[in-house]
Amino acid sequence: MRDVLGEGGAAAVVEQVVAGRPVTAVVQGRGQQVAQAAVRAGHHRHLDAVHRLGDDLEEAAGAGEHGVGLGNGHGRCVASGCLVGVVVVHCRDTSSEPLPVLPATIGRLLCAADRRSARLMQDLPDGTIDVDHQAPAFIADRHDRYAELRERCPVVFNQHYGGFWMVTDYESVAAVARDNETFAHKYEPDAGDGISYHGICGIPRPPYVPRMGVSEIDGPEHADLRRVLNPLMTPRVVERQRPRMEAVSSWFIDQFVEAGAADLVLDYATPVPAVLTLEMMGMDAANWRHYADFFHATSSYEVTDERFRSAVARRDDMWAELSSFAAYRRDNPADDVTTALVNATIGGRLLSDDEITGIMWNLVAGGLDTTTSLVSWGLHHLGTHPGDRARLIEDPDLIGPAVEEFLRFYSPSETLTRTATRDVELGGRQIRRGDVVFISWVAANHDSSAFDSADEIRIDRAVNKHLAFGLGGHRCIGSSIARIESQLMLGDVLARIGDYEIDVDAFTPYPGNLLMTGVVSMPVTFTPSAPTGTADPFAR
């Protein structure tokens, strides 16, 4: 028989072994859970072998002094680790066969599940895997899979999608991020130097994503562009915008505070950053929903979802709108980012229309969805951890460190790709010129060699050198904006509707997205109160 079982199903598997029946079952859950279920069933002595997975599985299983049971003469049951969250249990009648000695390396046991999705590592000694990291099974369990890669082979070559490197440990990810000359950001598939530059937007690159402006150029032109934009986004400049941020945040809370119910993603965490981003660009902030819906839909829904397809169909129209506004600003300059772009001199020349539009796309997308995701996950954590929420309400000075911890733990922009411009050694592996390198910020930010209790949220973490904003010359240009907006927004929610309760059944995180983590919807209820009467931010 072959069944897909939950944790409790491990006991049933063991019962089949005791009865001498041949069984192959895929048990969902960590290896430790499977072993514990067998112990509860009273049959752990019948496990011929238990593969060590995660924490000390032998101790959890109680499977003999050396982690290997004695067998019962009726069959054998092997719990083989399939790297993250999937344990494949093979049971078959083998009375005449000797007991196996399980190797310490994952990948030596044949898994009953799909070898490319259920088993991450084929042969760790040569540091090569063949797995579809875009498969739903991988994405759903990616944090555990990254952890296994970090432990066993933090710089690994994945043969899927034509071959690329996956980098998951803090030291190696930081090394890639710092070295912009060796690991290029630019998107230039037909470069004249013989390299097809992949850009930053994942493997495979989504076909609807344009060249991402400031994030996908390198060298002197990138440095020139940063010299134009950096002065507009320094902490001091952003801090001067705090009164406007406070007014926008307060007004949106006013819209639902009397009702005692809201969706903290759709009614608050989405519109506030959207309005502030469009104002920074000089665009009509009253049109925030038009842009927020587009960028939210392309990140938060499955590619088969009609809302995703509808948004992608609008891509060219959205591009044309941004281009049209840039043209308008050439003739009607103002004190905003778009005006700075149309007048910028890069490499001794003005930017082309397409270059300006790509940069605007990059800035608008980055300003809308990333801060929304950070605030949403922060509010979710506080809504599900009342002790942390109470501490922040009692001591608002902790909100700053809490935001840094949410950045580390959730890392809203989870991954990016780069292209090697030369042969280089990384983490003991030889990267070749032209190789594509996939780095995971979130995996690096959960590296226990860099952070104590890396898989726990500590809102008062004193030292927090997270990589959520990247490192080096390509470090997130809007980091000061994201920090200040997020601190202010979390503080406003805690001050005004601090007793909010999340509808856990309706809470919906992003599905199937390795580039961005976020929340689709988070309905809450709370004690109603009176609005502050903040002036309409769109009033003319």
Protein backbone atom coordinates (compact mmCIF):
# COMPACT_ATOMS: atom_id res chain seq x y z
CA MET A 1 0.00 0.00 0.00
CA ARG A 2 1.08 3.60 -0.48
CA ASP A 3 -0.50 6.41 1.47
CA VAL A 4 0.26 10.04 2.20
CA LEU A 5 -0.01 10.36 5.95
CA GLY A 6 0.16 13.03 8.60
CA GLU A 7 2.35 12.83 11.69
CA GLY A 8 -0.07 10.48 13.39
CA GLY A 9 0.17 8.14 10.43
CA ALA A 10 3.64 7.06 11.51
CA ALA A 11 2.07 4.85 14.15
CA ALA A 12 -0.04 3.16 11.48
CA VAL A 13 3.07 2.55 9.41
CA VAL A 14 4.75 0.86 12.36
CA GLU A 15 1.66 -1.27 12.96
CA GLN A 16 1.95 -2.51 9.39
CA VAL A 17 5.59 -3.39 9.98
CA VAL A 18 4.74 -5.32 13.13
CA ALA A 19 2.09 -7.23 11.19
CA GLY A 20 4.70 -8.13 8.60
CA ARG A 21 2.92 -6.38 5.75
CA PRO A 22 4.91 -4.64 2.99
CA VAL A 23 4.33 -0.90 3.24
CA THR A 24 5.65 2.21 1.54
CA ALA A 25 4.28 5.43 2.96
CA VAL A 26 5.16 9.09 2.62
CA VAL A 27 4.84 10.72 6.01
CA GLN A 28 4.49 14.49 6.12
CA GLY A 29 6.37 16.07 9.00
CA ARG A 30 9.92 16.28 10.29
CA GLY A 31 11.77 13.06 10.91
CA GLN A 32 11.63 13.83 14.62
CA GLN A 33 7.83 13.87 14.54
CA VAL A 34 7.72 10.51 12.79
CA ALA A 35 9.99 8.94 15.38
CA GLN A 36 8.02 10.46 18.25
CA ALA A 37 4.81 9.08 16.80
CA ALA A 38 6.39 5.65 16.66
CA VAL A 39 7.47 5.98 20.28
CA ARG A 40 3.94 6.92 21.32
CA ALA A 41 2.67 3.85 19.50
CA GLY A 42 4.98 1.70 21.60
CA HIS A 43 6.73 0.19 18.61
CA HIS A 44 9.95 2.15 18.37
CA ARG A 45 11.93 -1.04 18.99
CA HIS A 46 10.68 -2.27 15.62
CA LEU A 47 12.38 0.48 13.66
CA ASP A 48 15.40 -1.13 12.08
CA ALA A 49 16.95 2.26 11.48
CA VAL A 50 16.10 5.89 11.94
CA HIS A 51 17.82 8.46 9.80
CA ARG A 52 19.10 11.41 11.77
CA LEU A 53 17.28 14.50 10.57
CA GLY A 54 17.34 17.93 12.15
CA ASP A 55 17.71 17.73 15.92
CA ASP A 56 18.89 14.59 17.70
CA LEU A 57 16.47 12.22 16.07
CA GLU A 58 17.96 9.15 17.70
CA GLU A 59 17.11 10.49 21.15
CA ALA A 60 13.62 11.48 20.07
CA ALA A 61 13.00 8.06 18.62
CA GLY A 62 14.52 6.13 21.48
CA ALA A 63 15.67 3.71 18.81
CA GLY A 64 18.47 1.96 20.67
CA GLU A 65 21.74 3.24 22.02
CA HIS A 66 23.17 3.95 18.59
CA GLY A 67 20.04 5.11 16.84
CA VAL A 68 19.45 1.74 15.24
CA GLY A 69 16.65 -0.57 16.40
CA LEU A 70 17.00 -4.32 16.57
CA GLY A 71 14.23 -5.23 14.14
CA ASN A 72 11.41 -7.67 14.71
CA GLY A 73 11.95 -10.33 12.10
CA HIS A 74 8.80 -9.34 10.23
CA GLY A 75 10.13 -6.50 8.16
CA ARG A 76 12.06 -3.31 8.33
CA CYS A 77 11.09 0.35 8.41
CA VAL A 78 13.54 2.98 7.26
CA ALA A 79 12.82 6.63 7.97
CA SER A 80 14.90 8.34 5.31
CA GLY A 81 15.33 12.12 5.50
CA CYS A 82 14.18 13.87 2.38
CA LEU A 83 15.53 17.13 3.54
CA VAL A 84 12.86 19.45 4.71
CA GLY A 85 9.66 18.39 6.13
CA VAL A 86 9.23 15.21 4.17
CA VAL A 87 10.17 11.82 5.55
CA VAL A 88 9.77 8.84 3.29
CA VAL A 89 9.24 5.59 5.16
CA HIS A 90 9.91 2.34 3.32
CA CYS A 91 8.62 -0.83 4.92
CA ARG A 92 8.81 -4.18 3.25
CA ASP A 93 9.09 -7.84 4.12
CA THR A 94 12.80 -8.53 4.45
CA SER A 95 13.01 -11.28 7.04
CA SER A 96 16.05 -12.83 5.41
CA GLU A 97 17.87 -9.59 4.74
CA PRO A 98 20.46 -8.16 7.11
CA LEU A 99 19.71 -4.92 8.88
CA PRO A 100 21.02 -1.90 7.00
CA VAL A 101 23.55 0.55 8.31
CA LEU A 102 22.24 3.94 7.33
CA PRO A 103 24.80 6.41 5.98
CA ALA A 104 25.06 9.85 7.48
CA THR A 105 24.62 11.56 4.14
CA ILE A 106 21.14 12.36 2.88
CA GLY A 107 20.56 11.20 -0.62
CA ARG A 108 21.92 7.65 -0.40
CA LEU A 109 18.49 6.17 0.24
CA LEU A 110 16.03 5.90 -2.60
CA CYS A 111 12.95 7.95 -1.84
CA ALA A 112 9.51 6.81 -2.92
CA ALA A 113 8.47 10.38 -3.63
CA ASP A 114 9.46 12.45 -6.66
CA ARG A 115 13.24 12.63 -6.47
CA ARG A 116 13.36 16.21 -7.71
CA SER A 117 10.76 17.72 -5.41
CA ALA A 118 10.74 15.55 -2.30
CA ARG A 119 14.50 14.99 -2.06
CA LEU A 120 16.74 18.02 -2.26
CA MET A 121 20.16 16.43 -2.25
CA GLN A 122 21.24 13.67 -4.59
CA ASP A 123 24.92 13.50 -3.76
CA LEU A 124 26.27 15.92 -1.21
CA PRO A 125 29.89 14.84 -1.59
CA ASP A 126 30.03 16.45 -5.04
CA GLY A 127 27.83 19.37 -4.01
CA THR A 128 25.28 18.92 -6.77
CA ILE A 129 21.50 18.71 -6.60
CA ASP A 130 18.73 18.56 -9.16
CA VAL A 131 15.59 20.12 -7.72
CA ASP A 132 12.89 22.44 -8.98
CA HIS A 133 13.08 25.24 -6.45
CA GLN A 134 9.98 26.79 -8.03
CA ALA A 135 7.86 23.70 -7.29
CA PRO A 136 5.09 24.29 -4.72
CA ALA A 137 6.47 21.54 -2.47
CA PHE A 138 9.86 23.27 -2.30
CA ILE A 139 8.43 26.74 -1.77
CA ALA A 140 6.11 25.57 1.00
CA ASP A 141 9.06 24.08 2.91
CA ARG A 142 11.81 26.39 1.69
CA HIS A 143 13.00 27.56 5.11
CA ASP A 144 13.71 24.02 6.28
CA ARG A 145 15.28 23.17 2.94
CA TYR A 146 17.53 26.22 3.10
CA ALA A 147 18.52 25.15 6.62
CA GLU A 148 19.55 21.72 5.36
CA LEU A 149 21.57 23.27 2.55
CA ARG A 150 23.24 25.69 4.97
CA GLU A 151 24.31 22.81 7.18
CA ARG A 152 25.46 20.40 4.50
CA CYS A 153 26.44 22.38 1.41
CA PRO A 154 25.83 26.14 1.62
CA VAL A 155 27.13 26.76 -1.91
CA VAL A 156 25.55 24.06 -4.06
CA PHE A 157 25.10 23.63 -7.80
CA ASN A 158 21.51 22.97 -8.88
CA GLN A 159 21.23 21.28 -12.29
CA HIS A 160 17.65 22.43 -12.77
CA TYR A 161 16.73 25.29 -15.17
CA GLY A 162 19.99 24.92 -17.06
CA GLY A 163 22.15 24.97 -13.94
CA PHE A 164 22.85 27.64 -11.32
CA TRP A 165 24.41 28.04 -7.89
CA MET A 166 22.33 28.30 -4.70
CA VAL A 167 23.96 30.17 -1.80
CA THR A 168 22.36 29.95 1.64
CA ASP A 169 24.85 30.76 4.42
CA TYR A 170 25.47 34.22 5.86
CA GLU A 171 29.18 34.44 5.07
CA SER A 172 28.85 33.43 1.42
CA VAL A 173 25.72 35.51 0.76
CA ALA A 174 27.46 38.55 2.27
CA ALA A 175 30.54 37.90 0.13
CA VAL A 176 28.44 37.85 -3.04
CA ALA A 177 26.55 40.98 -2.01
CA ARG A 178 29.72 42.96 -1.33
CA ASP A 179 31.50 42.05 -4.57
CA ASN A 180 29.60 43.87 -7.30
CA GLU A 181 32.46 43.57 -9.77
CA THR A 182 32.50 39.77 -9.63
CA PHE A 183 28.77 39.20 -9.18
CA ALA A 184 26.87 41.44 -11.59
CA HIS A 185 23.32 42.68 -11.11
CA LYS A 186 22.72 43.81 -14.65
CA TYR A 187 20.20 42.33 -17.04
CA GLU A 188 21.80 42.07 -20.47
CA PRO A 189 21.15 38.71 -22.15
CA ASP A 190 23.11 39.58 -25.29
CA ALA A 191 26.14 41.34 -23.86
CA GLY A 192 29.12 41.76 -26.15
CA ASP A 193 31.56 40.13 -23.72
CA GLY A 194 30.14 36.64 -24.22
CA ILE A 195 28.17 36.54 -20.97
CA SER A 196 24.38 36.40 -20.80
CA TYR A 197 23.68 38.58 -17.77
CA HIS A 198 20.63 37.22 -15.98
CA GLY A 199 19.66 40.18 -13.80
CA ILE A 200 18.31 39.89 -10.26
CA CYS A 201 14.76 38.62 -10.68
CA GLY A 202 15.05 34.90 -10.11
CA ILE A 203 15.41 31.64 -12.03
CA PRO A 204 13.67 31.44 -14.40
CA ARG A 205 13.18 35.17 -14.83
CA PRO A 206 9.45 36.03 -14.96
CA PRO A 207 8.70 37.09 -18.55
CA TYR A 208 6.55 40.04 -17.48
CA VAL A 209 9.29 41.72 -15.41
CA PRO A 210 11.04 44.62 -17.21
CA ARG A 211 14.64 45.63 -16.66
CA MET A 212 14.61 46.82 -13.06
CA GLY A 213 16.21 50.22 -13.36
CA VAL A 214 18.62 51.05 -10.57
CA SER A 215 18.80 47.42 -9.42
CA GLU A 216 19.92 45.98 -12.78
CA ILE A 217 22.77 48.22 -13.85
CA ASP A 218 26.37 48.10 -12.65
CA GLY A 219 29.63 49.98 -12.72
CA PRO A 220 30.08 53.74 -13.21
CA GLU A 221 26.53 54.27 -14.49
CA HIS A 222 25.11 52.67 -11.36
CA ALA A 223 27.38 54.82 -9.20
CA ASP A 224 26.24 57.96 -11.06
CA LEU A 225 22.60 57.03 -10.60
CA ARG A 226 23.08 56.40 -6.89
CA ARG A 227 24.69 59.83 -6.57
CA VAL A 228 21.49 61.31 -7.99
CA LEU A 229 19.07 59.30 -5.85
CA ASN A 230 20.89 58.81 -2.55
CA PRO A 231 20.56 62.44 -1.38
CA LEU A 232 16.78 62.20 -1.83
CA MET A 233 16.48 59.23 0.53
CA THR A 234 18.90 59.80 3.40
CA PRO A 235 17.64 59.29 6.97
CA ARG A 236 17.67 63.05 7.53
CA VAL A 237 15.61 63.77 4.41
CA VAL A 238 13.17 60.96 5.17
CA GLU A 239 12.81 62.13 8.76
CA ARG A 240 11.58 65.49 7.49
CA GLN A 241 8.69 63.60 5.89
CA ARG A 242 7.58 62.13 9.23
CA PRO A 243 4.68 64.58 9.75
CA ARG A 244 3.28 63.63 6.35
CA MET A 245 3.75 59.93 7.10
CA GLU A 246 1.93 60.36 10.41
CA ALA A 247 -0.96 62.16 8.75
CA VAL A 248 -1.40 59.51 6.05
CA SER A 249 -1.19 56.65 8.55
CA SER A 250 -3.64 58.30 10.93
CA TRP A 251 -6.15 59.06 8.18
CA PHE A 252 -6.29 55.48 6.95
CA ILE A 253 -6.83 54.18 10.49
CA ASP A 254 -9.59 56.77 10.89
CA GLN A 255 -11.42 55.15 7.98
CA PHE A 256 -12.07 51.93 9.93
CA VAL A 257 -11.44 52.63 13.60
CA GLU A 258 -15.13 53.15 14.44
CA ALA A 259 -16.15 49.89 12.77
CA GLY A 260 -14.12 47.65 15.04
CA ALA A 261 -13.04 45.54 12.08
CA ALA A 262 -10.65 45.90 9.14
CA ASP A 263 -8.25 44.05 6.89
CA LEU A 264 -4.88 45.29 8.09
CA VAL A 265 -3.27 44.42 4.75
CA LEU A 266 -5.82 45.81 2.33
CA ASP A 267 -7.06 48.72 4.44
CA TYR A 268 -3.80 49.85 6.00
CA ALA A 269 -0.46 48.16 5.23
CA THR A 270 -1.06 48.46 1.48
CA PRO A 271 -2.37 52.03 1.05
CA VAL A 272 -0.04 53.89 3.42
CA PRO A 273 3.26 52.96 1.68
CA ALA A 274 1.56 53.27 -1.72
CA VAL A 275 0.46 56.86 -1.07
CA LEU A 276 3.84 57.88 0.33
CA THR A 277 5.74 56.25 -2.55
CA LEU A 278 3.64 57.93 -5.23
CA GLU A 279 4.04 61.29 -3.50
CA MET A 280 7.82 60.79 -3.42
CA MET A 281 7.73 60.16 -7.17
CA GLY A 282 5.55 63.26 -7.68
CA MET A 283 2.61 61.21 -8.95
CA ASP A 284 -1.07 61.53 -8.03
CA ALA A 285 -1.33 59.74 -4.68
CA ALA A 286 -5.12 59.55 -4.95
CA ASN A 287 -4.47 56.92 -7.63
CA TRP A 288 -2.70 54.65 -5.12
CA ARG A 289 -5.10 51.72 -5.51
CA HIS A 290 -4.44 51.48 -9.25
CA TYR A 291 -0.73 50.91 -8.68
CA ALA A 292 -0.98 48.96 -5.43
CA ASP A 293 -3.43 46.47 -6.91
CA PHE A 294 -1.11 45.81 -9.83
CA PHE A 295 2.08 45.20 -7.87
CA HIS A 296 0.25 43.39 -5.07
CA ALA A 297 -1.43 41.03 -7.55
CA THR A 298 1.77 40.12 -9.39
CA SER A 299 3.37 39.10 -6.08
CA SER A 300 0.53 37.70 -4.02
CA TYR A 301 -1.37 35.32 -6.30
CA GLU A 302 -0.53 32.07 -8.03
CA VAL A 303 0.28 32.39 -11.74
CA THR A 304 -2.89 30.43 -12.50
CA ASP A 305 -5.06 32.90 -10.56
CA GLU A 306 -7.21 35.17 -12.72
CA ARG A 307 -6.18 38.18 -10.62
CA PHE A 308 -2.54 37.48 -11.44
CA ARG A 309 -3.24 37.03 -15.15
CA SER A 310 -5.32 40.21 -15.21
CA ALA A 311 -2.52 42.20 -13.60
CA VAL A 312 0.12 40.86 -15.99
CA ALA A 313 -2.12 41.80 -18.91
CA ARG A 314 -1.92 45.42 -17.68
CA ARG A 315 1.85 45.46 -17.62
CA ASP A 316 2.37 47.38 -20.88
CA ASP A 317 -0.28 49.93 -19.92
CA MET A 318 1.41 50.46 -16.56
CA TRP A 319 4.75 50.96 -18.29
CA ALA A 320 3.20 53.49 -20.66
CA GLU A 321 1.66 55.42 -17.75
CA LEU A 322 4.99 55.76 -15.98
CA SER A 323 6.70 56.78 -19.22
CA SER A 324 4.02 59.38 -19.88
CA PHE A 325 4.46 60.89 -16.43
CA ALA A 326 8.21 61.13 -16.93
CA ALA A 327 7.61 63.01 -20.19
CA TYR A 328 5.23 65.33 -18.35
CA ARG A 329 7.88 66.06 -15.73
CA ARG A 330 10.38 67.09 -18.40
CA ASP A 331 8.10 70.00 -19.27
CA ASN A 332 6.70 70.50 -15.77
CA PRO A 333 9.51 70.00 -13.25
CA ALA A 334 8.88 69.80 -9.52
CA ASP A 335 10.68 68.84 -6.33
CA ASP A 336 10.36 65.06 -6.66
CA VAL A 337 12.25 61.93 -7.66
CA THR A 338 10.89 61.79 -11.22
CA THR A 339 12.15 65.29 -11.97
CA ALA A 340 15.56 64.30 -10.61
CA LEU A 341 15.61 61.32 -12.97
CA VAL A 342 14.66 63.17 -16.15
CA ASN A 343 17.39 65.73 -15.45
CA ALA A 344 20.04 63.26 -14.30
CA THR A 345 23.34 62.96 -16.16
CA ILE A 346 24.63 59.39 -16.16
CA GLY A 347 27.96 58.66 -17.80
CA GLY A 348 27.91 62.12 -19.36
CA ARG A 349 24.46 61.68 -20.94
CA LEU A 350 20.80 62.00 -20.08
CA LEU A 351 18.87 58.82 -19.37
CA SER A 352 16.71 57.40 -22.16
CA ASP A 353 12.94 57.18 -21.80
CA ASP A 354 13.12 53.42 -21.26
CA GLU A 355 15.84 53.78 -18.64
CA ILE A 356 13.83 56.37 -16.72
CA THR A 357 10.69 54.25 -16.88
CA GLY A 358 12.57 51.17 -15.69
CA ILE A 359 13.97 53.07 -12.72
CA MET A 360 10.53 54.42 -11.87
CA TRP A 361 9.10 50.89 -12.09
CA ASN A 362 11.84 49.66 -9.75
CA LEU A 363 11.24 52.44 -7.20
CA VAL A 364 7.45 52.21 -7.24
CA ALA A 365 7.45 48.42 -6.96
CA GLY A 366 10.03 48.52 -4.17
CA GLY A 367 8.18 51.21 -2.27
CA LEU A 368 4.78 49.56 -2.46
CA ASP A 369 5.03 45.85 -1.81
CA THR A 370 8.15 45.42 0.32
CA THR A 371 7.11 47.78 3.12
CA THR A 372 3.59 46.39 2.96
CA SER A 373 4.97 42.89 3.44
CA LEU A 374 7.22 43.89 6.33
CA VAL A 375 4.44 45.70 8.20
CA SER A 376 1.96 42.91 7.53
CA TRP A 377 4.21 40.19 8.89
CA GLY A 378 5.16 42.35 11.85
CA LEU A 379 1.50 42.90 12.71
CA HIS A 380 0.85 39.19 12.27
CA HIS A 381 3.61 38.30 14.71
CA LEU A 382 2.38 40.79 17.30
CA GLY A 383 -1.19 39.60 16.81
CA THR A 384 -0.17 36.01 17.51
CA HIS A 385 2.38 36.71 20.27
CA PRO A 386 0.59 38.76 22.94
CA GLY A 387 3.68 38.93 25.14
CA ASP A 388 5.69 40.74 22.47
CA ARG A 389 2.74 43.00 21.69
CA ALA A 390 2.37 43.96 25.35
CA ARG A 391 6.08 44.76 25.59
CA LEU A 392 5.93 47.11 22.60
CA ILE A 393 2.81 48.85 23.89
CA GLU A 394 4.47 49.33 27.27
CA ASP A 395 7.82 50.38 25.80
CA PRO A 396 7.50 51.95 22.31
CA ASP A 397 11.28 52.41 22.22
CA LEU A 398 11.46 48.70 21.41
CA ILE A 399 9.60 49.21 18.13
CA GLY A 400 12.83 50.12 16.33
CA PRO A 401 14.66 46.92 17.33
CA ALA A 402 11.48 44.94 16.65
CA VAL A 403 11.37 46.23 13.06
CA GLU A 404 14.99 45.17 12.58
CA GLU A 405 14.11 41.71 13.88
CA PHE A 406 11.11 41.45 11.57
CA LEU A 407 13.41 42.45 8.70
CA ARG A 408 15.84 39.71 9.66
CA PHE A 409 13.29 36.99 10.29
CA TYR A 410 10.92 37.60 7.36
CA SER A 411 13.28 39.30 4.86
CA PRO A 412 10.44 40.55 2.59
CA SER A 413 12.70 40.55 -0.47
CA GLU A 414 13.77 36.94 -0.03
CA THR A 415 16.16 36.21 -2.88
CA LEU A 416 17.91 37.58 -5.93
CA THR A 417 20.22 36.37 -8.66
CA ARG A 418 23.56 37.58 -9.94
CA THR A 419 25.90 36.61 -12.77
CA ALA A 420 29.58 35.81 -12.27
CA THR A 421 31.86 38.02 -14.37
CA ARG A 422 34.97 35.89 -13.74
CA ASP A 423 36.03 32.56 -12.29
CA VAL A 424 35.95 32.78 -8.50
CA GLU A 425 35.96 30.52 -5.46
CA LEU A 426 33.01 30.86 -3.10
CA GLY A 427 32.52 28.73 -0.01
CA GLY A 428 35.10 26.27 -1.29
CA ARG A 429 33.31 25.85 -4.63
CA GLN A 430 34.55 26.98 -8.03
CA ILE A 431 32.16 29.43 -9.70
CA ARG A 432 32.79 29.88 -13.43
CA ARG A 433 32.52 33.03 -15.51
CA GLY A 434 28.93 33.38 -16.74
CA ASP A 435 27.42 31.17 -14.01
CA VAL A 436 24.17 32.38 -12.47
CA VAL A 437 24.21 32.65 -8.68
CA PHE A 438 21.01 32.55 -6.61
CA ILE A 439 21.38 34.04 -3.11
CA SER A 440 18.82 33.84 -0.34
CA TRP A 441 18.71 36.77 2.06
CA VAL A 442 16.23 34.98 4.28
CA ALA A 443 18.41 31.86 4.46
CA ALA A 444 21.44 33.95 5.41
CA ASN A 445 19.38 35.77 8.02
CA HIS A 446 18.52 32.45 9.66
CA ASP A 447 22.13 31.25 9.85
CA SER A 448 22.86 30.21 13.44
CA SER A 449 26.54 31.00 12.94
CA ALA A 450 25.58 34.66 12.56
CA PHE A 451 22.58 34.94 14.91
CA ASP A 452 21.83 33.35 18.26
CA SER A 453 18.47 31.55 18.25
CA ALA A 454 18.23 32.40 14.56
CA ASP A 455 14.84 30.74 14.12
CA GLU A 456 13.25 32.74 16.93
CA ILE A 457 11.96 36.32 16.88
CA ARG A 458 13.56 38.37 19.65
CA ILE A 459 12.14 41.86 19.49
CA ASP A 460 14.96 43.20 21.68
CA ARG A 461 17.82 41.55 19.78
CA ALA A 462 20.79 43.78 20.57
CA VAL A 463 23.12 42.97 17.67
CA ASN A 464 21.31 42.48 14.39
CA LYS A 465 23.52 42.60 11.31
CA HIS A 466 20.82 41.24 9.04
CA LEU A 467 21.05 41.28 5.26
CA ALA A 468 17.43 42.15 4.52
CA PHE A 469 18.55 45.34 2.73
CA GLY A 470 21.57 43.74 1.11
CA LEU A 471 25.16 44.99 1.35
CA GLY A 472 27.59 47.04 -0.66
CA GLY A 473 26.93 49.38 -3.54
CA HIS A 474 23.57 47.81 -4.38
CA ARG A 475 22.23 47.98 -0.83
CA CYS A 476 18.53 48.92 -0.83
CA ILE A 477 18.30 52.59 -1.68
CA GLY A 478 14.99 52.98 0.15
CA SER A 479 16.04 51.34 3.43
CA SER A 480 15.61 54.53 5.47
CA ILE A 481 12.10 55.00 4.08
CA ALA A 482 11.15 51.40 4.87
CA ARG A 483 12.50 51.62 8.41
CA ILE A 484 10.79 54.86 9.36
CA GLU A 485 7.48 54.00 7.70
CA SER A 486 7.39 50.58 9.34
CA GLN A 487 8.23 51.88 12.80
CA LEU A 488 5.59 54.58 12.53
CA MET A 489 2.89 52.25 11.20
CA LEU A 490 3.43 49.55 13.82
CA GLY A 491 3.40 52.22 16.51
CA ASP A 492 0.14 53.72 15.24
CA VAL A 493 -1.65 50.36 15.16
CA LEU A 494 -0.50 49.47 18.67
CA ALA A 495 -1.49 52.89 20.01
CA ARG A 496 -4.95 53.01 18.43
CA ILE A 497 -6.17 49.42 17.98
CA GLY A 498 -3.72 47.57 20.17
CA ASP A 499 -6.18 44.84 21.13
CA TYR A 500 -6.73 43.66 17.55
CA GLU A 501 -7.42 39.96 17.06
CA ILE A 502 -6.56 38.20 13.81
CA ASP A 503 -9.09 36.00 12.06
CA VAL A 504 -6.66 33.10 11.75
CA ASP A 505 -8.94 31.18 9.40
CA ALA A 506 -9.04 34.07 6.93
CA PHE A 507 -5.37 35.02 7.25
CA THR A 508 -3.73 34.42 3.84
CA PRO A 509 0.04 34.61 3.18
CA TYR A 510 1.58 34.82 -0.28
CA PRO A 511 1.61 31.47 -2.06
CA GLY A 512 4.35 30.26 -4.36
CA ASN A 513 6.75 33.20 -4.39
CA LEU A 514 10.50 32.95 -3.81
CA LEU A 515 11.24 36.59 -4.63
CA MET A 516 8.91 38.20 -2.12
CA THR A 517 7.24 37.11 1.08
CA GLY A 518 4.05 38.85 2.13
CA VAL A 519 0.43 38.63 3.17
CA VAL A 520 -2.59 38.70 0.87
CA SER A 521 -5.19 39.38 3.54
CA MET A 522 -5.36 39.72 7.35
CA PRO A 523 -8.86 40.48 8.71
CA VAL A 524 -8.94 41.65 12.32
CA THR A 525 -11.42 42.82 14.94
CA PHE A 526 -10.76 45.27 17.76
CA THR A 527 -12.45 47.61 20.21
CA PRO A 528 -13.99 50.50 18.23
CA SER A 529 -12.92 54.06 19.01
CA ALA A 530 -13.40 57.57 17.70
CA PRO A 531 -11.40 58.83 14.70
CA THR A 532 -8.82 61.56 15.23
CA GLY A 533 -10.26 63.76 12.51
CA THR A 534 -7.02 63.84 10.54
CA ALA A 535 -7.43 65.86 7.36
CA ASP A 536 -7.99 64.01 4.09
CA PRO A 537 -4.49 63.61 2.60
CA PHE A 538 -5.93 63.83 -0.92
CA ALA A 539 -7.84 67.07 -0.41
CA ARG A 540 -6.76 69.76 -2.84
